[in-house]
Amino acid sequence: MWESRCSGINDSVTLVHLSVKEYLLSSAIKGTEVRSFALSEEIGYQTLTTFCLSYLSAAEFRKGPAMTPEEWAHRDASHPFLDHASRAWPRYAILVGQPHDLVCKIIDFFKLESAGSFISWVQVLNADISWNKYPRGRNPLYYSASFGLDKVVSRLILENPNPVSINAPASRYGGTALHGAVLRQHPQVMKLLLDAGADANKCDDNEVPPLHTAAIYGNFEIISLLLKAKARGDKSVEGQTPLGWVRTYGHRKAEDLLVRWEEDQKKQKWLGGSSS
């Protein structure tokens, strides 16, 4: 925890022990003479989210992403808060429960008249790979799904329920919002997307469907959701089916699920064939 002090024209940062934060958040402070300094985690996370979004909406970022390596290096060096603001605000929003007024502020950030701020933000999110390898399109649904912002996803779907938009490619590798939710393990977001018409079999640019990604991680709930949504468990990618991947990574519970699924598929196929 830190505090900032201004002394004349010089700014200084003073580090304090974490116990100070714990005291300021505790109920003990409320009956003391310093109760005006009491903090609330809810207000704190909401304020942090708003501050980060305001920071990312500054005039320089509204101009758009850096266009040269030199420009990126300058932006990165001259804005030390940029990386934290870009990556942390979704986590703060989730910690505070995504209240309605905060969801509205997030939507407003996504809808700024110029797409510059949004693409500048996306550039930062992808800068660990390369300053220049980032998606050029603006797709708030994909990023909201990736970060697990279920209430924001719900609002975006409500405003634009078109399945074409829901299934639009958006990641560096052409993944959809559903790909993002699967990769980041957000089943609640997956349910919202699937109910709205997300295609459980749509592949990314590398011909990888969501089920294959899910199989690598072995999350039973996520694999179950995809199978219920008619995801193809027989499709082979790089010589492996989803069952092959869960076996490779040792996900026994997911393996049992996919084995039962394969048996059901064979039974249905046999019954369909015998009735013809």
Protein backbone atom coordinates (compact mmCIF):
# COMPACT_ATOMS: atom_id res chain seq x y z
CA MET A 1 0.00 0.00 0.00
CA TRP A 2 1.24 3.51 -0.67
CA GLU A 3 0.39 7.14 -0.21
CA SER A 4 1.41 10.10 -2.35
CA ARG A 5 2.52 13.40 -0.87
CA CYS A 6 3.25 16.69 -2.57
CA SER A 7 5.97 18.86 -1.11
CA GLY A 8 6.46 22.06 -3.03
CA ILE A 9 7.10 21.05 -6.63
CA ASN A 10 8.35 17.57 -5.67
CA ASP A 11 6.11 14.52 -5.40
CA SER A 12 7.06 11.67 -3.09
CA VAL A 13 5.70 8.19 -2.59
CA THR A 14 5.75 6.70 0.90
CA LEU A 15 5.33 2.97 1.43
CA VAL A 16 3.32 1.80 4.41
CA HIS A 17 2.68 -1.63 5.93
CA LEU A 18 -0.25 -3.73 4.68
CA SER A 19 -1.70 -3.67 8.20
CA VAL A 20 -2.61 -0.01 7.59
CA LYS A 21 -4.87 -1.09 4.74
CA GLU A 22 -6.42 -3.77 6.93
CA TYR A 23 -7.09 -1.22 9.66
CA LEU A 24 -8.66 1.29 7.26
CA LEU A 25 -10.96 -1.44 5.93
CA SER A 26 -11.90 -2.76 9.38
CA SER A 27 -14.93 -1.88 11.47
CA ALA A 28 -12.62 -0.86 14.32
CA ILE A 29 -11.80 2.47 12.72
CA LYS A 30 -15.43 3.55 12.52
CA GLY A 31 -15.64 4.41 16.21
CA THR A 32 -12.41 6.42 16.33
CA GLU A 33 -11.40 10.02 15.67
CA VAL A 34 -9.92 8.98 12.32
CA ARG A 35 -13.12 7.37 11.04
CA SER A 36 -13.14 9.78 8.08
CA PHE A 37 -10.26 7.74 6.67
CA ALA A 38 -12.25 4.49 6.71
CA LEU A 39 -12.27 2.64 3.42
CA SER A 40 -14.80 0.37 1.71
CA GLU A 41 -13.59 -2.36 -0.63
CA GLU A 42 -16.75 -1.99 -2.71
CA ILE A 43 -16.27 1.74 -3.21
CA GLY A 44 -12.55 1.21 -3.68
CA TYR A 45 -12.89 -1.34 -6.50
CA GLN A 46 -15.58 0.71 -8.19
CA THR A 47 -13.39 3.82 -7.99
CA LEU A 48 -10.39 1.91 -9.34
CA THR A 49 -12.41 0.61 -12.29
CA THR A 50 -13.67 4.10 -13.11
CA PHE A 51 -10.21 5.59 -12.73
CA CYS A 52 -8.65 3.01 -15.07
CA LEU A 53 -11.33 3.56 -17.73
CA SER A 54 -10.90 7.34 -17.48
CA TYR A 55 -7.14 6.93 -17.82
CA LEU A 56 -7.56 4.78 -20.94
CA SER A 57 -9.94 7.39 -22.40
CA ALA A 58 -7.34 10.17 -22.25
CA ALA A 59 -6.77 12.28 -25.35
CA GLU A 60 -3.52 10.58 -26.34
CA PHE A 61 -5.10 7.13 -26.39
CA ARG A 62 -8.17 8.37 -28.25
CA LYS A 63 -5.84 9.10 -31.16
CA GLY A 64 -5.42 5.36 -31.60
CA PRO A 65 -2.66 2.78 -31.14
CA ALA A 66 1.03 3.45 -31.57
CA MET A 67 1.97 3.09 -35.23
CA THR A 68 5.73 2.57 -35.01
CA PRO A 69 8.01 0.71 -32.58
CA GLU A 70 9.47 4.05 -31.50
CA GLU A 71 6.03 5.49 -30.80
CA TRP A 72 5.07 2.38 -28.82
CA ALA A 73 8.31 2.49 -26.80
CA HIS A 74 7.67 6.15 -25.97
CA ARG A 75 4.04 5.51 -24.99
CA ASP A 76 4.98 2.54 -22.85
CA ALA A 77 7.82 4.38 -21.09
CA SER A 78 5.94 7.65 -20.53
CA HIS A 79 2.77 6.00 -19.15
CA PRO A 80 3.88 3.55 -16.44
CA PHE A 81 0.27 3.06 -15.30
CA LEU A 82 -0.91 2.05 -18.78
CA ASP A 83 -0.32 -1.70 -18.51
CA HIS A 84 -1.93 -1.98 -15.08
CA ALA A 85 -4.94 0.14 -16.06
CA SER A 86 -5.47 -1.94 -19.20
CA ARG A 87 -5.30 -5.34 -17.53
CA ALA A 88 -6.69 -4.64 -14.07
CA TRP A 89 -9.96 -2.78 -14.62
CA PRO A 90 -11.95 -5.92 -15.61
CA ARG A 91 -10.74 -7.66 -12.45
CA TYR A 92 -11.75 -4.68 -10.32
CA ALA A 93 -15.17 -4.64 -12.01
CA ILE A 94 -15.69 -8.32 -11.20
CA LEU A 95 -14.55 -7.86 -7.60
CA VAL A 96 -17.17 -5.16 -7.07
CA GLY A 97 -19.89 -7.30 -8.68
CA GLN A 98 -20.37 -5.28 -11.90
CA PRO A 99 -23.13 -2.98 -10.56
CA HIS A 100 -25.45 -1.44 -13.12
CA ASP A 101 -23.89 2.02 -13.09
CA LEU A 102 -20.42 0.55 -13.58
CA VAL A 103 -21.62 -1.65 -16.46
CA CYS A 104 -22.94 1.54 -18.09
CA LYS A 105 -19.51 3.17 -17.73
CA ILE A 106 -17.85 0.12 -19.30
CA ILE A 107 -20.30 0.18 -22.21
CA ASP A 108 -19.63 3.91 -22.62
CA PHE A 109 -15.89 3.18 -22.86
CA PHE A 110 -16.59 0.60 -25.56
CA LYS A 111 -18.80 3.08 -27.42
CA LEU A 112 -16.54 6.12 -27.47
CA GLU A 113 -17.11 8.04 -30.72
CA SER A 114 -13.61 7.23 -31.84
CA ALA A 115 -12.48 3.60 -31.78
CA GLY A 116 -9.01 4.89 -30.92
CA SER A 117 -9.22 4.30 -27.17
CA PHE A 118 -10.53 0.76 -27.61
CA ILE A 119 -7.86 -0.25 -30.13
CA SER A 120 -5.17 1.41 -27.99
CA TRP A 121 -6.37 -0.72 -25.09
CA VAL A 122 -6.31 -3.88 -27.23
CA GLN A 123 -2.77 -3.07 -28.33
CA VAL A 124 -1.63 -2.99 -24.70
CA LEU A 125 -3.35 -6.31 -23.95
CA ASN A 126 -1.40 -7.96 -26.76
CA ALA A 127 1.91 -6.15 -26.24
CA ASP A 128 3.43 -9.10 -24.36
CA ILE A 129 3.51 -10.85 -27.76
CA SER A 130 4.41 -7.86 -29.90
CA TRP A 131 3.51 -4.17 -30.02
CA ASN A 132 2.16 -4.70 -33.55
CA LYS A 133 0.33 -8.06 -33.27
CA TYR A 134 -3.15 -7.16 -32.15
CA PRO A 135 -6.64 -7.37 -33.70
CA ARG A 136 -7.57 -4.19 -35.56
CA GLY A 137 -11.34 -4.60 -35.21
CA ARG A 138 -13.45 -3.40 -32.30
CA ASN A 139 -15.30 -6.30 -30.69
CA PRO A 140 -16.31 -5.52 -27.08
CA LEU A 141 -18.19 -8.83 -26.77
CA TYR A 142 -15.05 -10.90 -27.29
CA TYR A 143 -13.02 -9.05 -24.67
CA SER A 144 -15.88 -8.95 -22.16
CA ALA A 145 -16.31 -12.71 -22.59
CA SER A 146 -12.57 -13.30 -22.27
CA PHE A 147 -12.39 -11.39 -18.99
CA GLY A 148 -15.51 -13.07 -17.59
CA LEU A 149 -17.58 -9.88 -17.41
CA ASP A 150 -20.89 -11.73 -17.53
CA LYS A 151 -23.10 -8.72 -16.80
CA VAL A 152 -21.40 -6.71 -19.52
CA VAL A 153 -21.76 -9.66 -21.93
CA SER A 154 -25.47 -9.88 -21.08
CA ARG A 155 -25.93 -6.17 -21.78
CA LEU A 156 -24.03 -6.34 -25.08
CA ILE A 157 -26.10 -9.32 -26.24
CA LEU A 158 -29.29 -7.49 -25.27
CA GLU A 159 -28.25 -4.49 -27.35
CA ASN A 160 -27.16 -6.58 -30.34
CA PRO A 161 -28.61 -10.13 -30.30
CA ASN A 162 -27.60 -10.82 -33.92
CA PRO A 163 -25.94 -14.29 -34.09
CA VAL A 164 -23.64 -12.98 -36.83
CA SER A 165 -22.16 -10.48 -34.38
CA ILE A 166 -22.03 -13.03 -31.58
CA ASN A 167 -20.03 -15.39 -33.81
CA ALA A 168 -17.74 -12.75 -35.29
CA PRO A 169 -14.00 -13.56 -35.17
CA ALA A 170 -12.11 -11.18 -32.89
CA SER A 171 -8.93 -12.60 -31.37
CA ARG A 172 -5.45 -12.59 -32.90
CA TYR A 173 -6.22 -16.05 -34.24
CA GLY A 174 -9.80 -15.43 -35.32
CA GLY A 175 -11.44 -16.80 -32.18
CA THR A 176 -15.01 -15.80 -31.32
CA ALA A 177 -16.38 -14.62 -27.97
CA LEU A 178 -17.16 -18.27 -27.20
CA HIS A 179 -13.53 -19.21 -27.86
CA GLY A 180 -12.48 -16.50 -25.41
CA ALA A 181 -14.87 -17.70 -22.70
CA VAL A 182 -13.73 -21.31 -23.15
CA LEU A 183 -10.03 -20.44 -23.13
CA ARG A 184 -10.38 -18.33 -19.96
CA GLN A 185 -12.72 -20.84 -18.29
CA HIS A 186 -15.88 -18.74 -17.84
CA PRO A 187 -18.87 -21.15 -17.93
CA GLN A 188 -21.43 -18.50 -16.93
CA VAL A 189 -20.41 -16.37 -19.92
CA MET A 190 -20.53 -19.46 -22.14
CA LYS A 191 -24.14 -20.08 -21.13
CA LEU A 192 -25.09 -16.52 -22.09
CA LEU A 193 -23.37 -16.82 -25.47
CA LEU A 194 -24.74 -20.26 -26.30
CA ASP A 195 -28.27 -19.21 -25.35
CA ALA A 196 -27.87 -16.22 -27.67
CA GLY A 197 -26.84 -18.37 -30.64
CA ALA A 198 -23.08 -18.82 -30.36
CA ASP A 199 -21.88 -21.57 -32.69
CA ALA A 200 -20.20 -24.30 -30.64
CA ASN A 201 -18.48 -25.63 -33.78
CA LYS A 202 -17.13 -22.42 -35.30
CA CYS A 203 -13.38 -22.74 -35.77
CA ASP A 204 -10.75 -20.04 -35.42
CA ASP A 205 -8.23 -19.24 -38.16
CA ASN A 206 -6.25 -22.36 -37.21
CA GLU A 207 -9.34 -24.57 -37.66
CA VAL A 208 -9.58 -25.17 -33.89
CA PRO A 209 -13.15 -25.34 -32.49
CA PRO A 210 -13.92 -24.48 -28.84
CA LEU A 211 -14.27 -28.13 -27.76
CA HIS A 212 -10.65 -28.93 -28.58
CA THR A 213 -9.47 -26.00 -26.47
CA ALA A 214 -11.76 -27.11 -23.65
CA ALA A 215 -10.37 -30.65 -23.87
CA ILE A 216 -6.82 -29.41 -23.27
CA TYR A 217 -7.90 -27.80 -19.99
CA GLY A 218 -10.25 -30.63 -19.05
CA ASN A 219 -12.92 -28.52 -17.33
CA PHE A 220 -15.87 -30.91 -16.94
CA GLU A 221 -18.54 -28.18 -16.83
CA ILE A 222 -17.23 -26.39 -19.90
CA ILE A 223 -16.96 -29.60 -21.95
CA SER A 224 -20.48 -30.56 -20.86
CA LEU A 225 -21.87 -27.20 -21.98
CA LEU A 226 -20.27 -27.55 -25.40
CA LEU A 227 -21.50 -31.13 -25.89
CA LYS A 228 -25.03 -30.05 -24.96
CA ALA A 229 -24.69 -27.32 -27.58
CA LYS A 230 -23.98 -30.00 -30.24
CA ALA A 231 -20.24 -29.48 -30.39
CA ARG A 232 -18.58 -32.09 -32.60
CA GLY A 233 -16.52 -34.47 -30.52
CA ASP A 234 -15.39 -36.45 -33.55
CA LYS A 235 -13.54 -33.63 -35.30
CA SER A 236 -9.80 -34.16 -35.50
CA VAL A 237 -7.34 -31.28 -35.15
CA GLU A 238 -3.63 -31.96 -35.58
CA GLY A 239 -4.48 -35.65 -35.52
CA GLN A 240 -6.30 -35.48 -32.19
CA THR A 241 -9.97 -35.58 -31.26
CA PRO A 242 -11.15 -33.96 -27.99
CA LEU A 243 -11.05 -37.42 -26.38
CA GLY A 244 -7.45 -37.77 -27.50
CA TRP A 245 -6.54 -34.43 -25.93
CA VAL A 246 -8.10 -35.19 -22.53
CA ARG A 247 -6.26 -38.50 -22.50
CA THR A 248 -3.00 -36.79 -23.42
CA TYR A 249 -3.38 -34.34 -20.53
CA GLY A 250 -4.72 -36.90 -18.06
CA HIS A 251 -8.16 -35.39 -17.40
CA ARG A 252 -9.90 -38.56 -16.21
CA LYS A 253 -13.31 -37.06 -15.39
CA ALA A 254 -13.49 -35.32 -18.76
CA GLU A 255 -12.30 -38.55 -20.43
CA ASP A 256 -15.19 -40.49 -18.90
CA LEU A 257 -17.59 -37.81 -20.12
CA LEU A 258 -16.32 -37.95 -23.70
CA VAL A 259 -16.24 -41.76 -23.74
CA ARG A 260 -19.92 -41.79 -22.71
CA TRP A 261 -20.65 -39.16 -25.36
CA GLU A 262 -19.00 -41.30 -28.05
CA GLU A 263 -20.98 -44.34 -26.95
CA ASP A 264 -24.22 -42.35 -27.10
CA GLN A 265 -23.35 -41.08 -30.58
CA LYS A 266 -22.68 -44.62 -31.82
CA LYS A 267 -25.94 -45.83 -30.30
CA GLN A 268 -27.94 -43.02 -31.90
CA LYS A 269 -26.27 -43.68 -35.24
CA TRP A 270 -27.06 -47.38 -34.99
CA LEU A 271 -30.68 -46.73 -34.05
CA GLY A 272 -31.03 -44.27 -36.90
CA GLY A 273 -29.54 -46.74 -39.34
CA SER A 274 -31.66 -49.66 -38.14
CA SER A 275 -34.87 -47.72 -38.60
CA SER A 276 -34.15 -46.91 -42.25
